[in-house]
Amino acid sequence: MRPLLFAANWKMNLGPGEARSYLATFLKAYAPQPNRQVWFFPPAVSLETVANGLGNRSDLLAGVQDIYWESKGAFTGAISAPLAAQAGAKAALIGHSERRHVFGETDEQTGKKLAAALAAQLHPVLCVGETLEQRDSGQTLAVVKRQLAAALGERAATVRVTIAYEPVWAIGTGRNATPRDAATVHAAIRAWLEQHGAADTRILYGGSVNLKNAAELLAEQELDGVLVGGASLDPLAWTELVRTAVA
């Protein structure tokens, strides 16, 4: 059975000092739980603080929110996969919807970033998902499969990745796909992965996940965990969410 994964994407929140205070509260409140992992994706300025602050807990991990595909060079403001790894990252978000739709990241660029993460031995968390317009026009599965193919190509069977399905229309809007909606798309992603020899890949759901809906979402067997934004910013609320009982 795949361990449940609770991934906290802090986005552009919690600097180093705030991160230290957060971890002090979280680590005091949260003891390791069976078959459950917690990954943190802080902003780059707090990455080393979080990586060092997690100590030797095998159930906890720090990751980077974004990387550039070149390993070094004249790319002001960018962070390479090797630099992130040097700061303590073990994983990397790839193709988050905000990178795609706010910063204009293309499918081709997402593929380059995934390759760079793998080369630096970072575990990629590949984000895929559709906009409201694409959903309403019945393109959800076509969009998701295109994004999977563009990033993974023929590598799916030979690399370890995690997939995060995040419907763009449900991120930070208060709207949420129903558990059945999420499970339907997860099943289609799983089918694509099985066709490409990657049946054991974990698939997370991300899109306005909070304390009120986490249990209902995780009750769906197709979901292997959640990618959480705003609801992960308070350490005690996050502790409660990570302890969510799953039927």
C-alpha atoms as a PDB file:
ATOM      1  CA  MET A   1       0.000   0.000   0.000  1.00  0.00           C
ATOM      2  CA  ARG A   2       1.367   3.428  -0.989  1.00  0.00           C
ATOM      3  CA  PRO A   3       1.950   5.723   2.012  1.00  0.00           C
ATOM      4  CA  LEU A   4      -0.396   8.712   2.148  1.00  0.00           C
ATOM      5  CA  LEU A   5       1.431  11.910   1.275  1.00  0.00           C
ATOM      6  CA  PHE A   6       0.492  15.307   2.692  1.00  0.00           C
ATOM      7  CA  ALA A   7       2.355  18.029   0.778  1.00  0.00           C
ATOM      8  CA  ALA A   8       2.358  21.619   2.054  1.00  0.00           C
ATOM      9  CA  ASN A   9       2.966  24.303  -0.578  1.00  0.00           C
ATOM     10  CA  TRP A  10       3.592  27.522   1.331  1.00  0.00           C
ATOM     11  CA  LYS A  11       3.742  29.525  -1.910  1.00  0.00           C
ATOM     12  CA  MET A  12       5.055  33.091  -1.259  1.00  0.00           C
ATOM     13  CA  ASN A  13       4.603  32.913   2.513  1.00  0.00           C
ATOM     14  CA  LEU A  14       6.672  32.254   5.669  1.00  0.00           C
ATOM     15  CA  GLY A  15      10.205  33.608   5.621  1.00  0.00           C
ATOM     16  CA  PRO A  16      13.054  31.958   7.553  1.00  0.00           C
ATOM     17  CA  GLY A  17      12.083  33.325  10.967  1.00  0.00           C
ATOM     18  CA  GLU A  18       8.437  32.414  10.482  1.00  0.00           C
ATOM     19  CA  ALA A  19       9.470  28.990   9.199  1.00  0.00           C
ATOM     20  CA  ARG A  20      11.485  28.312  12.355  1.00  0.00           C
ATOM     21  CA  SER A  21       8.534  29.253  14.564  1.00  0.00           C
ATOM     22  CA  TYR A  22       6.202  27.127  12.434  1.00  0.00           C
ATOM     23  CA  LEU A  23       8.414  24.055  12.688  1.00  0.00           C
ATOM     24  CA  ALA A  24       8.860  24.461  16.437  1.00  0.00           C
ATOM     25  CA  THR A  25       5.080  24.288  16.826  1.00  0.00           C
ATOM     26  CA  PHE A  26       4.530  21.554  14.249  1.00  0.00           C
ATOM     27  CA  LEU A  27       7.254  19.201  15.475  1.00  0.00           C
ATOM     28  CA  LYS A  28       6.029  19.503  19.039  1.00  0.00           C
ATOM     29  CA  ALA A  29       2.448  18.744  17.996  1.00  0.00           C
ATOM     30  CA  TYR A  30       3.002  16.070  15.351  1.00  0.00           C
ATOM     31  CA  ALA A  31       4.554  12.685  16.023  1.00  0.00           C
ATOM     32  CA  PRO A  32       5.215  10.233  13.177  1.00  0.00           C
ATOM     33  CA  GLN A  33       2.067   8.459  11.973  1.00  0.00           C
ATOM     34  CA  PRO A  34       2.011   4.979  10.408  1.00  0.00           C
ATOM     35  CA  ASN A  35       2.069   4.886   6.605  1.00  0.00           C
ATOM     36  CA  ARG A  36       1.968   8.681   6.280  1.00  0.00           C
ATOM     37  CA  GLN A  37       4.500  11.215   4.982  1.00  0.00           C
ATOM     38  CA  VAL A  38       4.612  15.015   5.183  1.00  0.00           C
ATOM     39  CA  TRP A  39       6.504  17.105   2.628  1.00  0.00           C
ATOM     40  CA  PHE A  40       7.062  20.863   2.881  1.00  0.00           C
ATOM     41  CA  PHE A  41       7.570  23.195  -0.074  1.00  0.00           C
ATOM     42  CA  PRO A  42       8.594  26.573   1.408  1.00  0.00           C
ATOM     43  CA  PRO A  43       9.666  29.632  -0.588  1.00  0.00           C
ATOM     44  CA  ALA A  44      13.284  29.447  -1.690  1.00  0.00           C
ATOM     45  CA  VAL A  45      14.527  31.827   1.010  1.00  0.00           C
ATOM     46  CA  SER A  46      13.227  29.436   3.686  1.00  0.00           C
ATOM     47  CA  LEU A  47      14.260  26.159   2.057  1.00  0.00           C
ATOM     48  CA  GLU A  48      17.498  25.638   3.986  1.00  0.00           C
ATOM     49  CA  THR A  49      15.824  26.645   7.250  1.00  0.00           C
ATOM     50  CA  VAL A  50      13.084  24.056   6.745  1.00  0.00           C
ATOM     51  CA  ALA A  51      15.415  21.314   5.500  1.00  0.00           C
ATOM     52  CA  ASN A  52      17.647  21.735   8.551  1.00  0.00           C
ATOM     53  CA  GLY A  53      14.722  22.172  10.912  1.00  0.00           C
ATOM     54  CA  LEU A  54      13.140  18.818  10.074  1.00  0.00           C
ATOM     55  CA  GLY A  55      16.059  16.960  11.608  1.00  0.00           C
ATOM     56  CA  ASN A  56      16.342  13.239  10.966  1.00  0.00           C
ATOM     57  CA  ARG A  57      12.616  12.504  10.784  1.00  0.00           C
ATOM     58  CA  SER A  58      12.238   9.981   7.950  1.00  0.00           C
ATOM     59  CA  ASP A  59       8.542  10.836   7.545  1.00  0.00           C
ATOM     60  CA  LEU A  60       9.287  14.504   6.791  1.00  0.00           C
ATOM     61  CA  LEU A  61      10.940  16.081   3.758  1.00  0.00           C
ATOM     62  CA  ALA A  62      11.701  19.526   2.329  1.00  0.00           C
ATOM     63  CA  GLY A  63      11.251  20.408  -1.335  1.00  0.00           C
ATOM     64  CA  VAL A  64      11.633  23.391  -3.634  1.00  0.00           C
ATOM     65  CA  GLN A  65       8.664  25.117  -5.283  1.00  0.00           C
ATOM     66  CA  ASP A  66      10.283  25.614  -8.677  1.00  0.00           C
ATOM     67  CA  ILE A  67      13.572  25.113 -10.510  1.00  0.00           C
ATOM     68  CA  TYR A  68      15.173  26.249 -13.731  1.00  0.00           C
ATOM     69  CA  TRP A  69      16.378  23.558 -16.113  1.00  0.00           C
ATOM     70  CA  GLU A  70      19.970  24.802 -16.481  1.00  0.00           C
ATOM     71  CA  SER A  71      22.354  23.698 -13.722  1.00  0.00           C
ATOM     72  CA  LYS A  72      24.104  27.078 -13.392  1.00  0.00           C
ATOM     73  CA  GLY A  73      24.826  30.289 -15.251  1.00  0.00           C
ATOM     74  CA  ALA A  74      23.608  33.839 -15.872  1.00  0.00           C
ATOM     75  CA  PHE A  75      19.956  33.341 -14.947  1.00  0.00           C
ATOM     76  CA  THR A  76      19.291  36.043 -12.350  1.00  0.00           C
ATOM     77  CA  GLY A  77      16.571  35.113  -9.879  1.00  0.00           C
ATOM     78  CA  ALA A  78      16.380  31.467 -10.953  1.00  0.00           C
ATOM     79  CA  ILE A  79      17.194  28.418  -8.841  1.00  0.00           C
ATOM     80  CA  SER A  80      18.749  25.315 -10.363  1.00  0.00           C
ATOM     81  CA  ALA A  81      18.048  21.784  -9.209  1.00  0.00           C
ATOM     82  CA  PRO A  82      21.646  21.319  -7.939  1.00  0.00           C
ATOM     83  CA  LEU A  83      21.398  24.558  -5.920  1.00  0.00           C
ATOM     84  CA  ALA A  84      18.101  23.426  -4.408  1.00  0.00           C
ATOM     85  CA  ALA A  85      19.609  20.060  -3.525  1.00  0.00           C
ATOM     86  CA  GLN A  86      22.586  21.807  -1.926  1.00  0.00           C
ATOM     87  CA  ALA A  87      20.138  23.788   0.242  1.00  0.00           C
ATOM     88  CA  GLY A  88      18.565  20.542   1.445  1.00  0.00           C
ATOM     89  CA  ALA A  89      15.729  19.916  -1.007  1.00  0.00           C
ATOM     90  CA  LYS A  90      14.814  16.302  -1.691  1.00  0.00           C
ATOM     91  CA  ALA A  91      11.854  17.027  -3.984  1.00  0.00           C
ATOM     92  CA  ALA A  92      10.659  19.669  -6.440  1.00  0.00           C
ATOM     93  CA  LEU A  93       7.263  20.891  -7.554  1.00  0.00           C
ATOM     94  CA  ILE A  94       7.196  20.824 -11.358  1.00  0.00           C
ATOM     95  CA  GLY A  95       4.622  22.625 -13.495  1.00  0.00           C
ATOM     96  CA  HIS A  96       2.462  24.008 -10.707  1.00  0.00           C
ATOM     97  CA  SER A  97      -0.595  25.737 -12.153  1.00  0.00           C
ATOM     98  CA  GLU A  98       0.678  29.126 -11.008  1.00  0.00           C
ATOM     99  CA  ARG A  99       3.939  28.555 -12.877  1.00  0.00           C
ATOM    100  CA  ARG A 100       1.954  27.615 -15.965  1.00  0.00           C
ATOM    101  CA  HIS A 101      -0.798  30.243 -15.840  1.00  0.00           C
ATOM    102  CA  VAL A 102       0.765  33.183 -13.969  1.00  0.00           C
ATOM    103  CA  PHE A 103       4.327  32.891 -15.289  1.00  0.00           C
ATOM    104  CA  GLY A 104       3.553  31.371 -18.685  1.00  0.00           C
ATOM    105  CA  GLU A 105       5.466  28.112 -18.304  1.00  0.00           C
ATOM    106  CA  THR A 106       4.949  25.830 -21.304  1.00  0.00           C
ATOM    107  CA  ASP A 107       4.637  22.053 -21.479  1.00  0.00           C
ATOM    108  CA  GLU A 108       8.089  21.940 -23.076  1.00  0.00           C
ATOM    109  CA  GLN A 109       9.622  23.895 -20.209  1.00  0.00           C
ATOM    110  CA  THR A 110       7.904  21.677 -17.671  1.00  0.00           C
ATOM    111  CA  GLY A 111       9.505  18.665 -19.341  1.00  0.00           C
ATOM    112  CA  LYS A 112      12.933  20.282 -19.123  1.00  0.00           C
ATOM    113  CA  LYS A 113      12.438  21.051 -15.433  1.00  0.00           C
ATOM    114  CA  LEU A 114      11.380  17.490 -14.685  1.00  0.00           C
ATOM    115  CA  ALA A 115      14.483  16.167 -16.426  1.00  0.00           C
ATOM    116  CA  ALA A 116      16.657  18.608 -14.463  1.00  0.00           C
ATOM    117  CA  ALA A 117      15.089  17.514 -11.171  1.00  0.00           C
ATOM    118  CA  LEU A 118      15.756  13.869 -11.930  1.00  0.00           C
ATOM    119  CA  ALA A 119      19.363  14.618 -12.922  1.00  0.00           C
ATOM    120  CA  ALA A 120      19.898  16.277  -9.526  1.00  0.00           C
ATOM    121  CA  GLN A 121      18.209  13.343  -7.745  1.00  0.00           C
ATOM    122  CA  LEU A 122      15.259  15.465  -6.650  1.00  0.00           C
ATOM    123  CA  HIS A 123      11.905  13.686  -6.547  1.00  0.00           C
ATOM    124  CA  PRO A 124       9.591  15.511  -8.998  1.00  0.00           C
ATOM    125  CA  VAL A 125       6.006  16.256  -8.032  1.00  0.00           C
ATOM    126  CA  LEU A 126       4.482  16.888 -11.442  1.00  0.00           C
ATOM    127  CA  CYS A 127       1.373  19.070 -11.348  1.00  0.00           C
ATOM    128  CA  VAL A 128      -1.291  18.685 -14.011  1.00  0.00           C
ATOM    129  CA  GLY A 129      -4.781  20.106 -14.362  1.00  0.00           C
ATOM    130  CA  GLU A 130      -7.288  21.983 -16.463  1.00  0.00           C
ATOM    131  CA  THR A 131      -8.725  25.506 -16.456  1.00  0.00           C
ATOM    132  CA  LEU A 132     -12.440  26.176 -15.996  1.00  0.00           C
ATOM    133  CA  GLU A 133     -12.834  26.859 -19.729  1.00  0.00           C
ATOM    134  CA  GLN A 134     -11.171  23.545 -20.563  1.00  0.00           C
ATOM    135  CA  ARG A 135     -13.315  21.720 -18.024  1.00  0.00           C
ATOM    136  CA  ASP A 136     -16.553  23.239 -19.315  1.00  0.00           C
ATOM    137  CA  SER A 137     -15.655  22.279 -22.884  1.00  0.00           C
ATOM    138  CA  GLY A 138     -14.980  18.649 -21.921  1.00  0.00           C
ATOM    139  CA  GLN A 139     -11.213  18.796 -22.399  1.00  0.00           C
ATOM    140  CA  THR A 140     -10.140  17.770 -18.889  1.00  0.00           C
ATOM    141  CA  LEU A 141      -8.732  14.345 -19.711  1.00  0.00           C
ATOM    142  CA  ALA A 142      -7.160  15.470 -22.976  1.00  0.00           C
ATOM    143  CA  VAL A 143      -5.358  18.341 -21.207  1.00  0.00           C
ATOM    144  CA  VAL A 144      -4.136  16.170 -18.348  1.00  0.00           C
ATOM    145  CA  LYS A 145      -2.854  13.438 -20.667  1.00  0.00           C
ATOM    146  CA  ARG A 146      -1.105  16.026 -22.841  1.00  0.00           C
ATOM    147  CA  GLN A 147       0.648  17.458 -19.798  1.00  0.00           C
ATOM    148  CA  LEU A 148       1.687  13.992 -18.620  1.00  0.00           C
ATOM    149  CA  ALA A 149       3.047  13.073 -22.036  1.00  0.00           C
ATOM    150  CA  ALA A 150       4.902  16.366 -22.458  1.00  0.00           C
ATOM    151  CA  ALA A 151       6.676  16.083 -19.103  1.00  0.00           C
ATOM    152  CA  LEU A 152       7.243  12.343 -18.847  1.00  0.00           C
ATOM    153  CA  GLY A 153       7.326  11.153 -22.430  1.00  0.00           C
ATOM    154  CA  GLU A 154       8.714   7.644 -22.522  1.00  0.00           C
ATOM    155  CA  ARG A 155      10.404   8.065 -19.130  1.00  0.00           C
ATOM    156  CA  ALA A 156       7.341   7.158 -17.069  1.00  0.00           C
ATOM    157  CA  ALA A 157       8.338   3.520 -16.606  1.00  0.00           C
ATOM    158  CA  THR A 158      11.925   4.278 -15.643  1.00  0.00           C
ATOM    159  CA  VAL A 159      11.715   7.186 -13.171  1.00  0.00           C
ATOM    160  CA  ARG A 160      10.159   7.807  -9.770  1.00  0.00           C
ATOM    161  CA  VAL A 161       7.741  10.732  -9.741  1.00  0.00           C
ATOM    162  CA  THR A 162       4.602  11.805  -7.933  1.00  0.00           C
ATOM    163  CA  ILE A 163       1.671  13.305  -9.822  1.00  0.00           C
ATOM    164  CA  ALA A 164      -0.521  16.059  -8.381  1.00  0.00           C
ATOM    165  CA  TYR A 165      -3.865  16.662 -10.058  1.00  0.00           C
ATOM    166  CA  GLU A 166      -4.820  20.275  -9.406  1.00  0.00           C
ATOM    167  CA  PRO A 167      -7.838  21.603 -11.300  1.00  0.00           C
ATOM    168  CA  VAL A 168      -6.869  25.217 -11.910  1.00  0.00           C
ATOM    169  CA  TRP A 169     -10.414  26.430 -11.338  1.00  0.00           C
ATOM    170  CA  ALA A 170     -10.365  25.026  -7.787  1.00  0.00           C
ATOM    171  CA  ILE A 171      -7.101  26.531  -6.526  1.00  0.00           C
ATOM    172  CA  GLY A 172      -7.478  29.363  -4.051  1.00  0.00           C
ATOM    173  CA  THR A 173     -11.060  29.957  -5.175  1.00  0.00           C
ATOM    174  CA  GLY A 174     -12.921  28.149  -2.413  1.00  0.00           C
ATOM    175  CA  ARG A 175     -14.401  25.900  -5.100  1.00  0.00           C
ATOM    176  CA  ASN A 176     -13.465  22.266  -5.058  1.00  0.00           C
ATOM    177  CA  ALA A 177     -13.929  19.268  -7.289  1.00  0.00           C
ATOM    178  CA  THR A 178     -16.178  16.743  -5.594  1.00  0.00           C
ATOM    179  CA  PRO A 179     -14.412  13.627  -4.310  1.00  0.00           C
ATOM    180  CA  ARG A 180     -15.997  11.685  -7.164  1.00  0.00           C
ATOM    181  CA  ASP A 181     -14.846  14.268  -9.732  1.00  0.00           C
ATOM    182  CA  ALA A 182     -11.306  14.059  -8.361  1.00  0.00           C
ATOM    183  CA  ALA A 183     -11.358  10.261  -8.288  1.00  0.00           C
ATOM    184  CA  THR A 184     -12.537  10.114 -11.903  1.00  0.00           C
ATOM    185  CA  VAL A 185      -9.590  12.174 -13.132  1.00  0.00           C
ATOM    186  CA  HIS A 186      -7.195  10.273 -10.855  1.00  0.00           C
ATOM    187  CA  ALA A 187      -8.435   7.001 -12.370  1.00  0.00           C
ATOM    188  CA  ALA A 188      -7.731   8.342 -15.863  1.00  0.00           C
ATOM    189  CA  ILE A 189      -4.250   9.431 -14.796  1.00  0.00           C
ATOM    190  CA  ARG A 190      -3.673   6.008 -13.250  1.00  0.00           C
ATOM    191  CA  ALA A 191      -4.760   4.329 -16.482  1.00  0.00           C
ATOM    192  CA  TRP A 192      -2.303   6.488 -18.470  1.00  0.00           C
ATOM    193  CA  LEU A 193       0.491   5.635 -16.030  1.00  0.00           C
ATOM    194  CA  GLU A 194      -0.310   1.920 -16.202  1.00  0.00           C
ATOM    195  CA  GLN A 195      -0.166   2.067 -19.990  1.00  0.00           C
ATOM    196  CA  HIS A 196       3.301   3.575 -19.656  1.00  0.00           C
ATOM    197  CA  GLY A 197       4.563   1.092 -17.061  1.00  0.00           C
ATOM    198  CA  ALA A 198       4.255   3.304 -13.981  1.00  0.00           C
ATOM    199  CA  ALA A 199       1.315   1.794 -12.106  1.00  0.00           C
ATOM    200  CA  ASP A 200       2.777   2.361  -8.627  1.00  0.00           C
ATOM    201  CA  THR A 201       3.045   6.139  -8.993  1.00  0.00           C
ATOM    202  CA  ARG A 202       1.348   8.146  -6.232  1.00  0.00           C
ATOM    203  CA  ILE A 203      -1.307  10.651  -7.314  1.00  0.00           C
ATOM    204  CA  LEU A 204      -2.210  13.578  -5.078  1.00  0.00           C
ATOM    205  CA  TYR A 205      -5.181  15.929  -5.260  1.00  0.00           C
ATOM    206  CA  GLY A 206      -4.695  19.679  -4.912  1.00  0.00           C
ATOM    207  CA  GLY A 207      -7.385  22.316  -5.104  1.00  0.00           C
ATOM    208  CA  SER A 208      -8.778  24.155  -2.052  1.00  0.00           C
ATOM    209  CA  VAL A 209      -8.123  21.196   0.248  1.00  0.00           C
ATOM    210  CA  ASN A 210      -8.891  22.042   3.876  1.00  0.00           C
ATOM    211  CA  LEU A 211      -9.951  20.517   7.191  1.00  0.00           C
ATOM    212  CA  LYS A 212     -13.578  20.407   6.099  1.00  0.00           C
ATOM    213  CA  ASN A 213     -13.099  18.327   2.960  1.00  0.00           C
ATOM    214  CA  ALA A 214      -9.840  16.396   3.500  1.00  0.00           C
ATOM    215  CA  ALA A 215     -11.416  13.275   5.014  1.00  0.00           C
ATOM    216  CA  GLU A 216     -14.054  13.027   2.291  1.00  0.00           C
ATOM    217  CA  LEU A 217     -11.446  13.435  -0.437  1.00  0.00           C
ATOM    218  CA  LEU A 218      -9.032  10.911   1.078  1.00  0.00           C
ATOM    219  CA  ALA A 219     -11.811   8.366   1.446  1.00  0.00           C
ATOM    220  CA  GLU A 220     -11.573   7.934  -2.338  1.00  0.00           C
ATOM    221  CA  GLN A 221      -9.165   5.052  -2.968  1.00  0.00           C
ATOM    222  CA  GLU A 222      -7.799   6.723  -6.100  1.00  0.00           C
ATOM    223  CA  LEU A 223      -6.270   9.519  -4.012  1.00  0.00           C
ATOM    224  CA  ASP A 224      -2.841   8.847  -2.489  1.00  0.00           C
ATOM    225  CA  GLY A 225      -2.678  12.156  -0.644  1.00  0.00           C
ATOM    226  CA  VAL A 226      -3.164  15.882  -1.025  1.00  0.00           C
ATOM    227  CA  LEU A 227      -1.201  18.960  -2.119  1.00  0.00           C
ATOM    228  CA  VAL A 228      -2.326  21.826   0.115  1.00  0.00           C
ATOM    229  CA  GLY A 229      -1.727  25.563  -0.139  1.00  0.00           C
ATOM    230  CA  GLY A 230      -3.401  28.047   2.197  1.00  0.00           C
ATOM    231  CA  ALA A 231      -4.591  25.423   4.680  1.00  0.00           C
ATOM    232  CA  SER A 232      -0.970  24.417   5.356  1.00  0.00           C
ATOM    233  CA  LEU A 233       0.179  27.832   6.595  1.00  0.00           C
ATOM    234  CA  ASP A 234      -0.969  27.435  10.189  1.00  0.00           C
ATOM    235  CA  PRO A 235       1.085  24.733  11.954  1.00  0.00           C
ATOM    236  CA  LEU A 236      -1.649  23.521  14.302  1.00  0.00           C
ATOM    237  CA  ALA A 237      -4.330  23.437  11.600  1.00  0.00           C
ATOM    238  CA  TRP A 238      -1.854  21.626   9.332  1.00  0.00           C
ATOM    239  CA  THR A 239      -1.130  19.119  12.090  1.00  0.00           C
ATOM    240  CA  GLU A 240      -4.838  18.407  12.391  1.00  0.00           C
ATOM    241  CA  LEU A 241      -5.207  18.046   8.625  1.00  0.00           C
ATOM    242  CA  VAL A 242      -2.270  15.640   8.407  1.00  0.00           C
ATOM    243  CA  ARG A 243      -3.878  13.522  11.131  1.00  0.00           C
ATOM    244  CA  THR A 244      -7.080  13.236   9.089  1.00  0.00           C
ATOM    245  CA  ALA A 245      -8.695   9.853   9.667  1.00  0.00           C
ATOM    246  CA  VAL A 246      -9.198   7.885   6.466  1.00  0.00           C
ATOM    247  CA  ALA A 247     -11.985   5.335   6.238  1.00  0.00           C
END
